[in-house]
N, C-alpha and C. Protein backbone atom coordinates (compact mmCIF):
# COMPACT_ATOMS: atom_id res chain seq x y z
N UNK A 1 363.26 54.73 65.09
CA UNK A 1 364.03 54.69 63.77
C UNK A 1 363.87 56.50 63.80
N UNK A 2 365.12 57.00 63.22
CA UNK A 2 365.24 58.45 62.94
C UNK A 2 364.57 58.48 61.76
N UNK A 3 364.25 60.15 61.43
CA UNK A 3 363.60 60.44 60.43
C UNK A 3 364.33 60.82 59.26
N UNK A 4 364.21 59.79 58.24
CA UNK A 4 365.21 59.80 56.83
C UNK A 4 364.48 60.52 55.90
N UNK A 5 364.75 61.72 55.47
CA UNK A 5 363.94 62.53 54.31
C UNK A 5 365.19 62.35 53.46
N UNK A 6 366.52 62.51 53.69
CA UNK A 6 367.48 62.75 52.72
C UNK A 6 368.31 61.71 52.41
N UNK A 7 369.47 61.50 51.34
CA UNK A 7 370.06 60.57 51.47
C UNK A 7 371.32 60.60 52.36
N UNK A 8 371.61 61.75 53.03
CA UNK A 8 372.60 61.91 54.28
C UNK A 8 372.06 61.57 55.32
N UNK A 9 370.82 61.77 55.61
CA UNK A 9 370.38 61.26 56.80
C UNK A 9 370.03 59.56 57.00
N UNK A 10 370.12 59.12 55.50
CA UNK A 10 370.00 57.76 55.49
C UNK A 10 371.33 57.09 55.79
N UNK A 11 372.30 57.71 54.92
CA UNK A 11 374.00 57.56 55.37
C UNK A 11 374.39 57.21 56.95
N UNK A 12 373.65 58.46 57.51
CA UNK A 12 373.85 58.91 59.23
C UNK A 12 373.48 57.46 59.95
N UNK A 13 372.13 56.78 59.25
CA UNK A 13 371.42 55.91 60.13
C UNK A 13 372.31 54.69 59.75
N UNK A 14 372.70 54.56 58.66
CA UNK A 14 373.35 53.16 58.11
C UNK A 14 374.95 53.02 58.96
N UNK A 15 375.60 54.07 58.77
CA UNK A 15 376.98 54.20 59.76
C UNK A 15 376.90 53.95 60.99
N UNK A 16 375.65 54.11 61.66
CA UNK A 16 375.59 53.61 63.12
C UNK A 16 374.90 52.27 63.30
N UNK A 17 375.03 51.63 62.31
CA UNK A 17 374.59 49.90 62.14
C UNK A 17 376.04 49.11 61.69
N UNK A 18 376.18 47.53 62.00
CA UNK A 18 376.91 46.99 61.35
C UNK A 18 376.53 46.27 60.30
N UNK A 19 375.38 46.80 59.40
CA UNK A 19 375.24 46.20 58.22
C UNK A 19 375.96 46.92 56.99
N UNK A 20 376.43 48.02 57.03
CA UNK A 20 377.41 48.84 56.22
C UNK A 20 378.52 47.62 55.82
N UNK A 21 379.09 46.56 56.55
CA UNK A 21 380.15 45.74 56.31
C UNK A 21 379.68 44.58 55.21
N UNK A 22 378.50 44.53 55.23
CA UNK A 22 377.95 43.47 54.60
C UNK A 22 377.35 43.91 53.31
N UNK A 23 377.10 45.00 52.95
CA UNK A 23 376.76 45.84 51.65
C UNK A 23 377.97 45.86 50.75
N UNK A 24 377.95 45.46 49.41
CA UNK A 24 379.31 45.50 48.47
C UNK A 24 378.54 45.82 47.12
N UNK A 25 379.28 46.73 46.56
CA UNK A 25 378.84 46.67 45.13
C UNK A 25 378.92 45.36 44.16
N UNK A 26 380.14 44.73 44.55
CA UNK A 26 380.53 43.38 43.61
C UNK A 26 379.21 42.30 43.76
N UNK A 27 379.19 41.74 42.71
CA UNK A 27 378.50 40.67 42.72
C UNK A 27 379.26 39.25 43.22
N UNK A 28 378.50 38.36 43.70
CA UNK A 28 379.40 37.21 44.35
C UNK A 28 379.59 36.02 43.39
N UNK A 29 380.34 35.73 42.82
CA UNK A 29 380.18 34.72 41.65
C UNK A 29 379.85 33.44 42.32
N UNK A 30 379.31 32.29 41.57
CA UNK A 30 379.20 31.04 42.09
C UNK A 30 380.32 30.23 42.11
N UNK A 31 381.05 29.21 42.78
CA UNK A 31 382.25 28.59 42.78
C UNK A 31 382.09 27.62 41.64
N UNK A 32 383.25 27.47 40.97
CA UNK A 32 383.23 26.75 39.44
C UNK A 32 383.05 25.31 39.86
N UNK A 33 382.21 24.70 38.87
CA UNK A 33 381.75 23.09 38.95
C UNK A 33 382.75 22.32 38.23
N UNK A 34 383.81 21.88 38.95
CA UNK A 34 384.90 21.16 38.03
C UNK A 34 385.06 19.84 38.68
N UNK A 35 384.85 18.71 37.83
CA UNK A 35 384.97 17.42 38.48
C UNK A 35 386.50 17.20 38.78
N UNK A 36 386.53 15.50 39.54
CA UNK A 36 388.05 15.37 39.77
C UNK A 36 388.97 15.16 38.72
N UNK A 37 388.52 15.13 37.59
CA UNK A 37 389.29 14.97 36.43
C UNK A 37 389.87 16.49 35.93
N UNK A 38 389.18 17.49 36.62
CA UNK A 38 389.37 18.75 35.81
C UNK A 38 388.74 19.25 34.62
N UNK A 39 387.35 18.67 34.27
CA UNK A 39 386.34 19.08 33.47
C UNK A 39 385.18 19.67 33.93
N UNK A 40 384.42 20.46 33.39
CA UNK A 40 383.11 20.85 33.64
C UNK A 40 382.08 20.30 32.58
N UNK A 41 380.94 19.65 33.19
CA UNK A 41 380.08 18.83 32.55
C UNK A 41 378.63 19.60 32.51
N UNK A 42 378.18 19.64 31.41
CA UNK A 42 376.68 20.12 31.21
C UNK A 42 375.91 19.71 30.20
N UNK A 43 374.80 19.63 30.04
CA UNK A 43 374.03 19.18 29.10
C UNK A 43 373.16 20.34 28.18
N UNK A 44 373.04 20.28 26.81
CA UNK A 44 372.79 21.27 25.97
C UNK A 44 371.36 20.50 25.13
N UNK A 45 370.91 21.50 24.93
CA UNK A 45 369.41 20.67 23.97
C UNK A 45 368.98 22.01 23.18
N UNK A 46 368.38 21.35 22.06
CA UNK A 46 367.89 22.30 20.87
C UNK A 46 367.04 21.22 19.88
N UNK A 47 365.77 21.46 19.72
CA UNK A 47 364.84 20.93 19.19
C UNK A 47 364.62 19.41 19.88
N UNK A 48 365.07 18.15 18.93
CA UNK A 48 365.04 16.99 19.83
C UNK A 48 366.22 16.49 20.04
N UNK A 49 367.26 17.42 20.06
CA UNK A 49 368.66 16.96 20.19
C UNK A 49 368.85 17.15 21.82
N UNK A 50 370.19 16.39 22.12
CA UNK A 50 370.57 16.34 23.56
C UNK A 50 371.98 16.20 23.31
N UNK A 51 372.68 16.98 23.86
CA UNK A 51 374.16 17.11 24.04
C UNK A 51 374.57 16.98 25.28
N UNK A 52 375.51 15.85 25.71
CA UNK A 52 376.10 15.71 26.75
C UNK A 52 377.75 16.35 26.59
N UNK A 53 378.38 17.49 27.48
CA UNK A 53 379.26 18.22 26.78
C UNK A 53 380.10 18.40 28.20
N UNK A 54 381.62 17.78 27.71
CA UNK A 54 382.89 18.05 28.86
C UNK A 54 383.76 18.88 28.45
N UNK A 55 384.26 19.79 29.11
CA UNK A 55 384.96 20.87 28.43
C UNK A 55 386.37 20.83 29.68
N UNK A 56 387.48 21.10 29.16
CA UNK A 56 388.65 20.97 29.91
C UNK A 56 389.72 21.85 29.09
N UNK A 57 390.70 22.18 29.95
CA UNK A 57 391.73 23.35 29.30
C UNK A 57 392.49 22.48 28.33
N UNK A 58 392.62 22.79 27.45
CA UNK A 58 393.32 22.31 25.97
C UNK A 58 394.10 23.07 24.80
N UNK A 59 393.74 22.59 23.68
CA UNK A 59 394.21 23.33 22.68
C UNK A 59 393.23 23.45 21.46
N UNK A 60 391.69 23.35 22.24
CA UNK A 60 390.74 23.44 21.04
C UNK A 60 390.11 22.38 20.31
N UNK A 61 390.84 21.18 20.72
CA UNK A 61 389.90 19.93 20.05
C UNK A 61 388.56 19.84 20.15
N UNK A 62 387.87 19.54 19.36
CA UNK A 62 386.52 19.06 19.35
C UNK A 62 386.18 17.75 18.94
N UNK A 63 385.54 17.03 19.80
CA UNK A 63 385.16 15.58 19.40
C UNK A 63 383.53 15.52 19.70
N UNK A 64 383.18 15.02 18.66
CA UNK A 64 381.42 14.84 18.61
C UNK A 64 381.34 13.30 18.60
N UNK A 65 380.70 12.52 19.39
CA UNK A 65 380.30 11.13 19.37
C UNK A 65 381.46 10.58 18.81
N UNK A 66 383.06 10.55 19.21
CA UNK A 66 384.01 9.90 19.16
C UNK A 66 384.82 10.35 17.92
N UNK A 67 384.29 11.40 17.04
CA UNK A 67 384.74 11.97 15.66
C UNK A 67 385.07 13.38 15.75
N UNK A 68 385.80 13.87 15.02
CA UNK A 68 386.29 14.97 15.23
C UNK A 68 385.16 15.85 14.49
N UNK A 69 385.01 17.12 15.04
CA UNK A 69 383.90 17.95 14.38
C UNK A 69 383.79 18.23 13.02
N UNK A 70 385.05 18.28 12.07
CA UNK A 70 385.03 18.49 11.07
C UNK A 70 384.42 17.18 10.32
N UNK A 71 384.62 16.24 11.06
CA UNK A 71 383.80 14.99 10.14
C UNK A 71 382.46 14.86 10.44
N UNK A 72 382.03 15.13 11.65
CA UNK A 72 380.80 14.88 12.09
C UNK A 72 380.12 15.76 11.35
N UNK A 73 380.30 17.56 11.79
CA UNK A 73 379.56 18.29 11.17
C UNK A 73 380.16 18.67 9.74
N UNK A 74 379.84 18.22 8.98
CA UNK A 74 380.67 18.45 7.59
C UNK A 74 380.37 20.15 7.01
N UNK A 75 379.22 20.50 7.36
CA UNK A 75 378.64 21.74 6.75
C UNK A 75 379.65 22.90 7.67
N UNK A 76 380.03 23.75 6.86
CA UNK A 76 381.16 24.71 7.87
C UNK A 76 380.38 25.55 8.79
N UNK A 77 378.86 25.76 8.29
CA UNK A 77 377.86 26.52 8.82
C UNK A 77 377.64 26.00 10.35
N UNK A 78 377.57 24.64 10.28
CA UNK A 78 377.43 23.98 11.72
C UNK A 78 378.75 24.26 12.57
N UNK A 79 379.80 23.98 11.89
CA UNK A 79 381.10 24.25 12.85
C UNK A 79 380.94 25.80 13.33
N UNK A 80 380.67 26.89 12.63
CA UNK A 80 380.58 27.86 13.28
C UNK A 80 379.43 28.09 14.31
N UNK A 81 378.62 27.55 14.03
CA UNK A 81 377.76 27.78 15.55
C UNK A 81 378.23 26.99 16.90
N UNK A 82 378.85 25.78 16.57
CA UNK A 82 379.68 25.50 17.63
C UNK A 82 380.63 26.58 18.31
N UNK A 83 381.41 27.02 17.62
CA UNK A 83 382.62 27.77 17.72
C UNK A 83 381.96 29.15 18.28
N UNK A 84 380.66 29.36 18.27
CA UNK A 84 380.57 30.99 18.48
C UNK A 84 380.51 31.09 20.31
N UNK A 85 380.19 30.39 21.05
CA UNK A 85 380.28 30.17 22.16
C UNK A 85 381.68 30.64 22.80
N UNK A 86 382.87 30.18 22.24
CA UNK A 86 384.32 30.34 22.43
C UNK A 86 384.78 31.86 21.89
N UNK A 87 383.91 32.48 20.76
CA UNK A 87 384.42 33.39 20.36
C UNK A 87 383.75 34.56 21.01
N UNK A 88 382.44 34.35 21.38
CA UNK A 88 381.82 35.64 22.27
C UNK A 88 382.91 35.57 23.65
N UNK A 89 383.23 34.27 24.07
CA UNK A 89 383.92 34.57 25.56
C UNK A 89 385.21 34.59 25.44
N UNK A 90 385.67 34.68 24.18
CA UNK A 90 387.24 35.04 23.50
C UNK A 90 388.22 33.61 24.52
N UNK A 91 387.64 32.54 23.95
CA UNK A 91 388.11 31.43 24.53
C UNK A 91 388.87 30.60 23.36
N UNK A 92 388.98 30.95 22.20
CA UNK A 92 389.20 30.46 20.84
C UNK A 92 390.22 29.48 21.64
N UNK A 93 390.31 28.20 21.02
CA UNK A 93 391.81 27.14 21.03
C UNK A 93 391.96 27.16 22.73
N UNK A 94 391.19 27.62 23.65
CA UNK A 94 391.43 27.64 25.07
C UNK A 94 391.13 25.91 25.99
N UNK A 95 390.09 25.60 25.22
CA UNK A 95 389.48 24.36 25.92
C UNK A 95 389.12 23.35 24.81
N UNK A 96 389.51 21.72 25.14
CA UNK A 96 389.47 20.58 24.58
C UNK A 96 387.54 20.31 25.13
N UNK A 97 387.18 19.77 23.80
CA UNK A 97 385.75 19.82 24.06
C UNK A 97 385.25 17.97 23.87
N UNK A 98 384.48 17.11 24.52
CA UNK A 98 383.98 16.13 24.19
C UNK A 98 382.43 15.87 24.39
N UNK A 99 381.99 15.57 23.68
CA UNK A 99 380.20 15.68 23.44
C UNK A 99 379.96 14.79 22.72
N UNK A 100 378.98 13.94 23.50
CA UNK A 100 378.21 13.17 23.24
C UNK A 100 376.49 13.66 22.46
N UNK A 101 376.17 13.33 21.39
CA UNK A 101 374.71 13.77 20.91
C UNK A 101 374.03 12.64 20.55
N UNK A 102 372.81 12.93 20.79
CA UNK A 102 371.52 11.77 20.33
C UNK A 102 370.32 12.87 19.98
N UNK A 103 369.75 12.33 18.96
CA UNK A 103 368.65 12.70 18.73
C UNK A 103 368.37 13.69 17.66
N UNK A 104 367.18 14.18 16.73
CA UNK A 104 367.60 15.38 15.73
C UNK A 104 368.15 15.18 14.45
N UNK A 105 368.06 16.12 13.95
CA UNK A 105 369.14 16.26 12.64
C UNK A 105 370.39 17.31 13.25
N UNK A 106 371.03 16.99 12.23
CA UNK A 106 372.46 17.74 12.58
C UNK A 106 372.66 19.09 13.14
N UNK A 107 371.66 20.16 12.37
CA UNK A 107 371.46 21.19 12.88
C UNK A 107 371.00 21.47 14.27
N UNK A 108 369.64 20.64 14.62
CA UNK A 108 369.31 20.64 16.03
C UNK A 108 370.76 20.37 17.00
N UNK A 109 371.60 19.11 16.57
CA UNK A 109 372.39 18.75 17.18
C UNK A 109 373.68 19.45 17.33
N UNK A 110 374.11 20.39 16.57
CA UNK A 110 374.84 21.99 16.50
C UNK A 110 374.64 22.54 17.68
N UNK A 111 373.08 22.79 17.25
CA UNK A 111 372.92 24.03 18.59
C UNK A 111 372.90 23.43 19.84
N UNK A 112 372.64 22.46 20.17
CA UNK A 112 372.49 21.36 21.34
C UNK A 112 374.11 21.68 21.90
N UNK A 113 374.73 21.09 21.02
CA UNK A 113 376.54 21.03 21.47
C UNK A 113 376.64 22.40 21.79
N UNK A 114 376.36 23.59 21.15
CA UNK A 114 376.83 25.35 21.48
C UNK A 114 376.16 25.13 22.82
N UNK A 115 374.63 24.90 23.04
CA UNK A 115 374.06 25.08 24.47
C UNK A 115 375.20 24.74 25.46
N UNK A 116 375.57 22.99 25.19
CA UNK A 116 376.26 22.36 26.16
C UNK A 116 377.58 23.29 26.51
N UNK A 117 378.08 23.43 25.48
CA UNK A 117 379.61 23.86 25.71
C UNK A 117 379.43 25.66 26.25
N UNK A 118 378.39 26.25 26.19
CA UNK A 118 377.97 27.37 26.72
C UNK A 118 377.73 27.54 28.47
N UNK A 119 376.92 26.31 28.81
CA UNK A 119 376.66 26.02 30.15
C UNK A 119 377.85 25.62 31.00
N UNK A 120 378.55 24.52 29.84
CA UNK A 120 379.90 24.26 30.55
C UNK A 120 381.02 25.28 31.09
N UNK A 121 381.07 26.15 29.98
CA UNK A 121 381.74 27.17 30.12
C UNK A 121 381.71 28.37 31.34
N UNK A 122 380.11 28.20 31.62
CA UNK A 122 379.99 29.21 32.66
C UNK A 122 380.11 28.43 34.12
N UNK A 123 380.20 27.00 33.92
CA UNK A 123 380.33 26.26 35.15
C UNK A 123 381.98 26.47 35.63
N UNK A 124 382.78 26.28 34.46
CA UNK A 124 384.44 26.27 34.60
C UNK A 124 384.64 27.73 34.92
N UNK A 125 384.32 28.64 34.21
CA UNK A 125 384.59 30.28 34.46
C UNK A 125 383.06 31.07 34.84
N UNK A 126 382.74 31.36 35.96
CA UNK A 126 381.64 31.91 36.46
C UNK A 126 381.37 33.39 35.77
N UNK A 127 382.53 33.79 35.54
CA UNK A 127 382.60 35.37 35.04
C UNK A 127 382.39 35.48 33.48
N UNK A 128 382.48 34.50 32.95
CA UNK A 128 381.92 34.57 31.57
C UNK A 128 380.53 34.42 31.39
N UNK A 129 379.44 34.38 32.48
CA UNK A 129 378.25 34.29 32.28
C UNK A 129 377.68 35.83 31.64
N UNK A 130 377.99 36.78 32.28
CA UNK A 130 377.39 37.70 31.42
C UNK A 130 377.45 38.23 30.05
N UNK A 131 378.77 37.92 29.41
CA UNK A 131 378.69 38.05 27.74
C UNK A 131 378.11 36.89 27.18
N UNK A 132 378.33 35.90 27.87
CA UNK A 132 377.48 34.81 27.09
C UNK A 132 375.94 34.62 27.06
N UNK A 133 375.62 35.45 28.16
CA UNK A 133 373.91 35.72 28.41
C UNK A 133 373.35 36.75 27.52
N UNK A 134 374.23 37.73 27.25
CA UNK A 134 374.06 38.80 26.48
C UNK A 134 373.91 38.56 25.31
N UNK A 135 375.00 37.47 24.60
CA UNK A 135 374.79 36.90 23.45
C UNK A 135 373.53 35.90 23.05
N UNK A 136 372.92 35.69 24.16
CA UNK A 136 371.63 34.80 24.15
C UNK A 136 371.83 33.37 23.82
N UNK A 137 373.04 32.92 24.34
CA UNK A 137 373.29 31.60 24.21
C UNK A 137 373.20 30.68 25.28
N UNK A 138 372.80 31.14 26.29
CA UNK A 138 372.50 30.59 27.61
C UNK A 138 371.02 29.87 27.98
N UNK A 139 370.26 31.12 27.12
CA UNK A 139 368.51 30.54 27.37
C UNK A 139 368.37 29.30 26.23
N UNK A 140 367.83 28.41 26.41
CA UNK A 140 367.43 27.02 25.84
C UNK A 140 366.52 27.52 24.96
N UNK A 141 366.87 27.37 23.39
CA UNK A 141 365.88 27.59 22.45
C UNK A 141 364.58 26.56 22.24
N UNK A 142 363.18 26.84 22.99
CA UNK A 142 362.39 26.10 23.30
C UNK A 142 361.50 25.61 21.98
N UNK A 143 362.16 26.11 20.98
CA UNK A 143 361.07 25.84 19.65
C UNK A 143 361.22 24.34 19.14
N UNK A 144 360.03 23.74 19.42
CA UNK A 144 359.95 22.54 18.50
C UNK A 144 359.08 22.23 17.26
N UNK A 145 359.20 21.01 16.54
CA UNK A 145 358.08 21.08 15.55
C UNK A 145 356.97 20.50 16.05
N UNK A 146 356.00 21.72 15.53
CA UNK A 146 354.24 21.13 15.73
C UNK A 146 354.01 19.88 15.34
N UNK A 147 353.00 19.32 16.27
CA UNK A 147 353.02 17.98 16.11
C UNK A 147 351.71 18.09 14.82
N UNK A 148 351.34 17.02 13.99
CA UNK A 148 350.57 16.90 13.16
C UNK A 148 349.38 16.53 13.80
N UNK A 149 347.89 17.55 13.28
CA UNK A 149 346.54 17.22 13.72
C UNK A 149 345.82 16.42 12.72
N UNK A 150 344.88 15.63 13.54
CA UNK A 150 344.04 14.51 12.59
C UNK A 150 343.17 15.65 11.60
N UNK A 151 342.64 14.73 10.37
CA UNK A 151 342.00 15.85 9.54
C UNK A 151 342.79 16.81 8.53
N UNK A 152 344.42 16.50 8.97
CA UNK A 152 344.72 17.70 8.23
C UNK A 152 346.54 16.90 7.41
N UNK A 153 346.72 17.62 6.24
CA UNK A 153 347.78 17.18 5.46
C UNK A 153 349.20 16.99 6.59
N UNK A 154 349.35 17.93 7.52
CA UNK A 154 350.66 18.60 8.26
C UNK A 154 350.11 19.16 9.65
N UNK A 155 350.88 19.97 9.95
CA UNK A 155 350.41 20.42 11.31
C UNK A 155 349.20 21.33 10.85
N UNK A 156 349.76 22.24 10.22
CA UNK A 156 348.76 23.22 9.71
C UNK A 156 347.70 23.10 8.12
N UNK A 157 348.57 22.56 7.62
CA UNK A 157 348.19 22.69 6.11
C UNK A 157 346.94 21.59 5.79
N UNK A 158 346.01 21.85 5.29
CA UNK A 158 344.69 21.49 4.77
C UNK A 158 345.07 20.73 3.54
N UNK A 159 343.88 19.62 3.24
CA UNK A 159 343.92 19.04 1.74
C UNK A 159 342.87 19.95 1.38
N UNK A 160 343.14 19.72 -0.08
CA UNK A 160 342.18 20.69 -1.12
C UNK A 160 341.11 20.71 -0.72
N UNK A 161 340.34 21.72 -0.84
CA UNK A 161 338.86 21.97 -0.47
C UNK A 161 338.33 21.70 -1.97
N UNK A 162 337.19 20.37 -1.80
CA UNK A 162 336.49 20.29 -2.97
C UNK A 162 334.93 20.56 -2.43
N UNK A 163 334.43 21.45 -3.28
CA UNK A 163 332.74 21.75 -3.11
C UNK A 163 332.17 20.84 -3.63
N UNK A 164 332.17 19.94 -4.81
CA UNK A 164 331.51 18.98 -5.22
C UNK A 164 331.84 18.01 -5.26
């Protein structure tokens, strides 16, 4: 091997080999994961809730457990949580969403649906992964309720201490 002390020496060494053609600056994106019906499927989780989410191109209709999102998630904050993934990806009213959610409360379910939508978007359009990852939506929020311990009122709260 030649003595390479500068970048030009390295360039001369590389030009003599066939490996230059395989080195590129652009990253290779994975293939979209789309089923026979033209949908992308993903599972989202948050607290004790699990959401199964299917997305396909459409006009922005979101259905959760067979009901419209406005009926299922009555609070506007929960509907905003679900829409965040589309806003960050700049795909508002571009996809129809069908989701089934079970477990937990409404807040956890909304977070699970958002997580599922985010993952399904990255499966449908792998180029969106960078922006969704930067917003922190791809990472599963692993915080769950701490269990109750014996001899305590709750997880950490103790009973009132009595000296006598």
